[in-house]
Amino acid sequence: MAKVKIECQFCSKLNAVDLAKHNMGPKCAECGKPFHLDRPVKVSEKHFDATVTRSPVPVLVDFYADWCAPCRQMAPILDEIARDRVGKILVAKVDTDAAPMVGQRYGIRSIPYFARFENGTIVKDVVGAVGRGGLQTLAG
C-alpha cells in the first residue's frame, strides 16, 4: 500500500491517497471531489515536502510556468506518462512562479526542469524540452 499525500485542487485539504487503488476513484475526504491520478497533480509550495520529498513512491516533478512555451510543449507528453504509469509513480507539477522557494531550494534557473525524486532526493533530472524519450528515461 503506497499512500501519497495530495492536496485537493478544490478545497486545498491534504489527503492520503492510496496509489494502488487509483482505479477506485479516490475522493477528497473534505469536499468529495475526485483525484485524477492518471494526470499530473499540482503541488503547492506549502505541501511540496508532504507530497514529494516524503512520498513512499517515486515522484516525477515538472517545474514549469504558465508563460513558458517549452513547458506547454512538454505538457502533453507528461500527461501521457502520468496515464501510462498511474499507480506506479506520482507525476506532479510545480508552478515555479507560485512556488519560488522550492525553485530556489533546488537551484532551478531554467524551465522546464524535470526531476525524479526517490526517498526525498533527486536521483535524475533534465532541463528543457527533452521530448518523450527524455521524460520516459526519468519516469523509469
C-alpha atoms as a PDB file:
ATOM      1  CA  MET A   1       0.000   0.000   0.000  1.00  0.00           C
ATOM      2  CA  ALA A   2       1.611   3.267  -1.191  1.00  0.00           C
ATOM      3  CA  LYS A   3      -0.229   6.239   0.284  1.00  0.00           C
ATOM      4  CA  VAL A   4       0.824   9.599  -1.060  1.00  0.00           C
ATOM      5  CA  LYS A   5      -0.224  12.972   0.320  1.00  0.00           C
ATOM      6  CA  ILE A   6      -2.023  15.025  -2.296  1.00  0.00           C
ATOM      7  CA  GLU A   7      -3.609  18.439  -1.958  1.00  0.00           C
ATOM      8  CA  CYS A   8      -7.185  18.701  -3.194  1.00  0.00           C
ATOM      9  CA  GLN A   9      -7.275  21.181  -6.078  1.00  0.00           C
ATOM     10  CA  PHE A  10     -10.724  22.334  -4.971  1.00  0.00           C
ATOM     11  CA  CYS A  11     -10.528  22.809  -1.181  1.00  0.00           C
ATOM     12  CA  SER A  12      -6.735  22.583  -0.533  1.00  0.00           C
ATOM     13  CA  LYS A  13      -7.141  19.789   2.036  1.00  0.00           C
ATOM     14  CA  LEU A  14      -4.160  17.419   2.184  1.00  0.00           C
ATOM     15  CA  ASN A  15      -5.320  13.810   1.692  1.00  0.00           C
ATOM     16  CA  ALA A  16      -3.610  10.429   1.991  1.00  0.00           C
ATOM     17  CA  VAL A  17      -4.358   8.647  -1.289  1.00  0.00           C
ATOM     18  CA  ASP A  18      -3.512   5.007  -1.960  1.00  0.00           C
ATOM     19  CA  LEU A  19      -1.954   4.812  -5.434  1.00  0.00           C
ATOM     20  CA  ALA A  20      -2.718   1.094  -5.618  1.00  0.00           C
ATOM     21  CA  LYS A  21      -6.434   1.963  -5.536  1.00  0.00           C
ATOM     22  CA  HIS A  22      -6.278   4.634  -8.248  1.00  0.00           C
ATOM     23  CA  ASN A  23      -8.877   2.757 -10.315  1.00  0.00           C
ATOM     24  CA  MET A  24     -11.414   3.014  -7.467  1.00  0.00           C
ATOM     25  CA  GLY A  25     -11.715   6.780  -7.934  1.00  0.00           C
ATOM     26  CA  PRO A  26     -10.242   8.283  -4.755  1.00  0.00           C
ATOM     27  CA  LYS A  27     -12.003  11.395  -3.488  1.00  0.00           C
ATOM     28  CA  CYS A  28     -11.130  14.236  -1.143  1.00  0.00           C
ATOM     29  CA  ALA A  29     -12.092  13.489   2.451  1.00  0.00           C
ATOM     30  CA  GLU A  30     -13.169  17.116   2.911  1.00  0.00           C
ATOM     31  CA  CYS A  31     -15.144  18.099  -0.206  1.00  0.00           C
ATOM     32  CA  GLY A  32     -15.649  14.772  -2.004  1.00  0.00           C
ATOM     33  CA  LYS A  33     -14.123  15.918  -5.306  1.00  0.00           C
ATOM     34  CA  PRO A  34     -12.160  13.269  -7.239  1.00  0.00           C
ATOM     35  CA  PHE A  35      -8.405  12.886  -7.522  1.00  0.00           C
ATOM     36  CA  HIS A  36      -7.350  12.137 -11.085  1.00  0.00           C
ATOM     37  CA  LEU A  37      -4.078  10.244 -10.686  1.00  0.00           C
ATOM     38  CA  ASP A  38      -3.871   9.470 -14.397  1.00  0.00           C
ATOM     39  CA  ARG A  39      -2.686  13.039 -14.977  1.00  0.00           C
ATOM     40  CA  PRO A  40      -0.127  15.257 -13.235  1.00  0.00           C
ATOM     41  CA  VAL A  41      -1.191  16.603  -9.846  1.00  0.00           C
ATOM     42  CA  LYS A  42      -0.426  20.208  -8.979  1.00  0.00           C
ATOM     43  CA  VAL A  43       1.713  20.648  -5.899  1.00  0.00           C
ATOM     44  CA  SER A  44       1.805  23.880  -3.929  1.00  0.00           C
ATOM     45  CA  GLU A  45       4.825  25.240  -2.134  1.00  0.00           C
ATOM     46  CA  LYS A  46       3.056  24.625   1.184  1.00  0.00           C
ATOM     47  CA  HIS A  47       2.637  20.888   0.546  1.00  0.00           C
ATOM     48  CA  PHE A  48       5.758  20.191  -1.540  1.00  0.00           C
ATOM     49  CA  ASP A  49       7.563  18.218   1.164  1.00  0.00           C
ATOM     50  CA  ALA A  50       4.494  16.219   2.163  1.00  0.00           C
ATOM     51  CA  THR A  51       3.758  15.278  -1.438  1.00  0.00           C
ATOM     52  CA  VAL A  52       7.200  14.975  -3.000  1.00  0.00           C
ATOM     53  CA  THR A  53      10.061  14.558  -0.548  1.00  0.00           C
ATOM     54  CA  ARG A  54       8.167  12.309   1.863  1.00  0.00           C
ATOM     55  CA  SER A  55       6.486  10.210  -0.824  1.00  0.00           C
ATOM     56  CA  PRO A  56       6.794   6.422  -0.455  1.00  0.00           C
ATOM     57  CA  VAL A  57       6.844   6.099  -4.266  1.00  0.00           C
ATOM     58  CA  PRO A  58       8.980   7.795  -6.925  1.00  0.00           C
ATOM     59  CA  VAL A  59       7.722  11.220  -7.979  1.00  0.00           C
ATOM     60  CA  LEU A  60       8.383  12.770 -11.378  1.00  0.00           C
ATOM     61  CA  VAL A  61       8.103  16.547 -10.952  1.00  0.00           C
ATOM     62  CA  ASP A  62       7.668  19.086 -13.725  1.00  0.00           C
ATOM     63  CA  PHE A  63       8.848  22.519 -12.581  1.00  0.00           C
ATOM     64  CA  TYR A  64       7.126  24.886 -15.009  1.00  0.00           C
ATOM     65  CA  ALA A  65       5.456  28.277 -15.525  1.00  0.00           C
ATOM     66  CA  ASP A  66       2.292  29.059 -17.465  1.00  0.00           C
ATOM     67  CA  TRP A  67       4.071  31.621 -19.678  1.00  0.00           C
ATOM     68  CA  CYS A  68       6.814  29.141 -20.719  1.00  0.00           C
ATOM     69  CA  ALA A  69       6.332  27.856 -24.311  1.00  0.00           C
ATOM     70  CA  PRO A  70       8.658  24.819 -23.927  1.00  0.00           C
ATOM     71  CA  CYS A  71       6.757  23.919 -20.733  1.00  0.00           C
ATOM     72  CA  ARG A  72       3.471  23.962 -22.644  1.00  0.00           C
ATOM     73  CA  GLN A  73       5.096  21.874 -25.398  1.00  0.00           C
ATOM     74  CA  MET A  74       6.092  19.175 -22.871  1.00  0.00           C
ATOM     75  CA  ALA A  75       2.743  19.087 -21.039  1.00  0.00           C
ATOM     76  CA  PRO A  76       1.004  16.533 -23.321  1.00  0.00           C
ATOM     77  CA  ILE A  77       3.974  14.163 -23.019  1.00  0.00           C
ATOM     78  CA  LEU A  78       3.892  14.479 -19.240  1.00  0.00           C
ATOM     79  CA  ASP A  79       0.153  13.724 -19.354  1.00  0.00           C
ATOM     80  CA  GLU A  80       0.878  10.510 -21.315  1.00  0.00           C
ATOM     81  CA  ILE A  81       3.481   9.401 -18.786  1.00  0.00           C
ATOM     82  CA  ALA A  82       1.083  10.033 -15.905  1.00  0.00           C
ATOM     83  CA  ARG A  83      -1.587   7.976 -17.654  1.00  0.00           C
ATOM     84  CA  ASP A  84       0.791   5.153 -18.613  1.00  0.00           C
ATOM     85  CA  ARG A  85       2.387   4.852 -15.161  1.00  0.00           C
ATOM     86  CA  VAL A  86      -0.607   5.545 -12.928  1.00  0.00           C
ATOM     87  CA  GLY A  87      -0.301   3.590  -9.700  1.00  0.00           C
ATOM     88  CA  LYS A  88       3.469   3.107 -10.106  1.00  0.00           C
ATOM     89  CA  ILE A  89       4.790   6.649  -9.785  1.00  0.00           C
ATOM     90  CA  LEU A  90       3.267  10.001  -8.950  1.00  0.00           C
ATOM     91  CA  VAL A  91       3.570  12.659 -11.636  1.00  0.00           C
ATOM     92  CA  ALA A  92       3.457  16.183 -10.234  1.00  0.00           C
ATOM     93  CA  LYS A  93       3.664  19.773 -11.443  1.00  0.00           C
ATOM     94  CA  VAL A  94       5.091  22.719  -9.517  1.00  0.00           C
ATOM     95  CA  ASP A  95       4.474  26.244 -10.817  1.00  0.00           C
ATOM     96  CA  THR A  96       7.801  27.989 -10.164  1.00  0.00           C
ATOM     97  CA  ASP A  97       6.107  31.408 -10.149  1.00  0.00           C
ATOM     98  CA  ALA A  98       3.708  30.310  -7.406  1.00  0.00           C
ATOM     99  CA  ALA A  99       6.393  28.316  -5.518  1.00  0.00           C
ATOM    100  CA  PRO A 100       9.577  30.418  -5.736  1.00  0.00           C
ATOM    101  CA  MET A 101      11.111  28.994  -2.557  1.00  0.00           C
ATOM    102  CA  VAL A 102      11.002  25.459  -3.978  1.00  0.00           C
ATOM    103  CA  GLY A 103      12.748  26.660  -7.118  1.00  0.00           C
ATOM    104  CA  GLN A 104      15.420  28.388  -5.048  1.00  0.00           C
ATOM    105  CA  ARG A 105      15.869  25.346  -2.826  1.00  0.00           C
ATOM    106  CA  TYR A 106      16.787  23.187  -5.818  1.00  0.00           C
ATOM    107  CA  GLY A 107      18.670  25.895  -7.713  1.00  0.00           C
ATOM    108  CA  ILE A 108      16.278  25.861 -10.653  1.00  0.00           C
ATOM    109  CA  ARG A 109      17.380  28.536 -13.100  1.00  0.00           C
ATOM    110  CA  SER A 110      15.774  27.269 -16.298  1.00  0.00           C
ATOM    111  CA  ILE A 111      12.427  25.660 -17.064  1.00  0.00           C
ATOM    112  CA  PRO A 112      11.036  23.267 -17.876  1.00  0.00           C
ATOM    113  CA  TYR A 113      13.042  21.356 -15.311  1.00  0.00           C
ATOM    114  CA  PHE A 114      12.089  17.745 -14.653  1.00  0.00           C
ATOM    115  CA  ALA A 115      13.288  15.795 -11.627  1.00  0.00           C
ATOM    116  CA  ARG A 116      12.693  12.282 -10.350  1.00  0.00           C
ATOM    117  CA  PHE A 117      12.574  12.121  -6.568  1.00  0.00           C
ATOM    118  CA  GLU A 118      13.098   8.904  -4.639  1.00  0.00           C
ATOM    119  CA  ASN A 119      13.240   8.808  -0.851  1.00  0.00           C
ATOM    120  CA  GLY A 120      13.253  12.591  -0.727  1.00  0.00           C
ATOM    121  CA  THR A 121      16.172  13.262  -3.044  1.00  0.00           C
ATOM    122  CA  ILE A 122      16.614  13.939  -6.731  1.00  0.00           C
ATOM    123  CA  VAL A 123      18.033  10.839  -8.407  1.00  0.00           C
ATOM    124  CA  LYS A 124      17.714  12.016 -12.026  1.00  0.00           C
ATOM    125  CA  ASP A 125      16.958  15.329 -13.654  1.00  0.00           C
ATOM    126  CA  VAL A 126      16.858  17.045 -17.027  1.00  0.00           C
ATOM    127  CA  VAL A 127      16.354  20.600 -18.253  1.00  0.00           C
ATOM    128  CA  GLY A 128      14.472  21.744 -21.314  1.00  0.00           C
ATOM    129  CA  ALA A 129      12.051  20.383 -23.881  1.00  0.00           C
ATOM    130  CA  VAL A 130      13.631  16.921 -23.971  1.00  0.00           C
ATOM    131  CA  GLY A 131      10.793  15.150 -25.749  1.00  0.00           C
ATOM    132  CA  ARG A 132       9.142  11.846 -24.975  1.00  0.00           C
ATOM    133  CA  GLY A 133      12.406   9.869 -24.725  1.00  0.00           C
ATOM    134  CA  GLY A 134      13.905  12.271 -22.204  1.00  0.00           C
ATOM    135  CA  LEU A 135      10.884  12.086 -19.936  1.00  0.00           C
ATOM    136  CA  GLN A 136      10.490   8.336 -20.256  1.00  0.00           C
ATOM    137  CA  THR A 137      14.078   7.924 -19.067  1.00  0.00           C
ATOM    138  CA  LEU A 138      13.207   9.895 -15.920  1.00  0.00           C
ATOM    139  CA  ALA A 139       9.922   8.098 -15.348  1.00  0.00           C
ATOM    140  CA  GLY A 140      11.571   4.689 -15.423  1.00  0.00           C
END
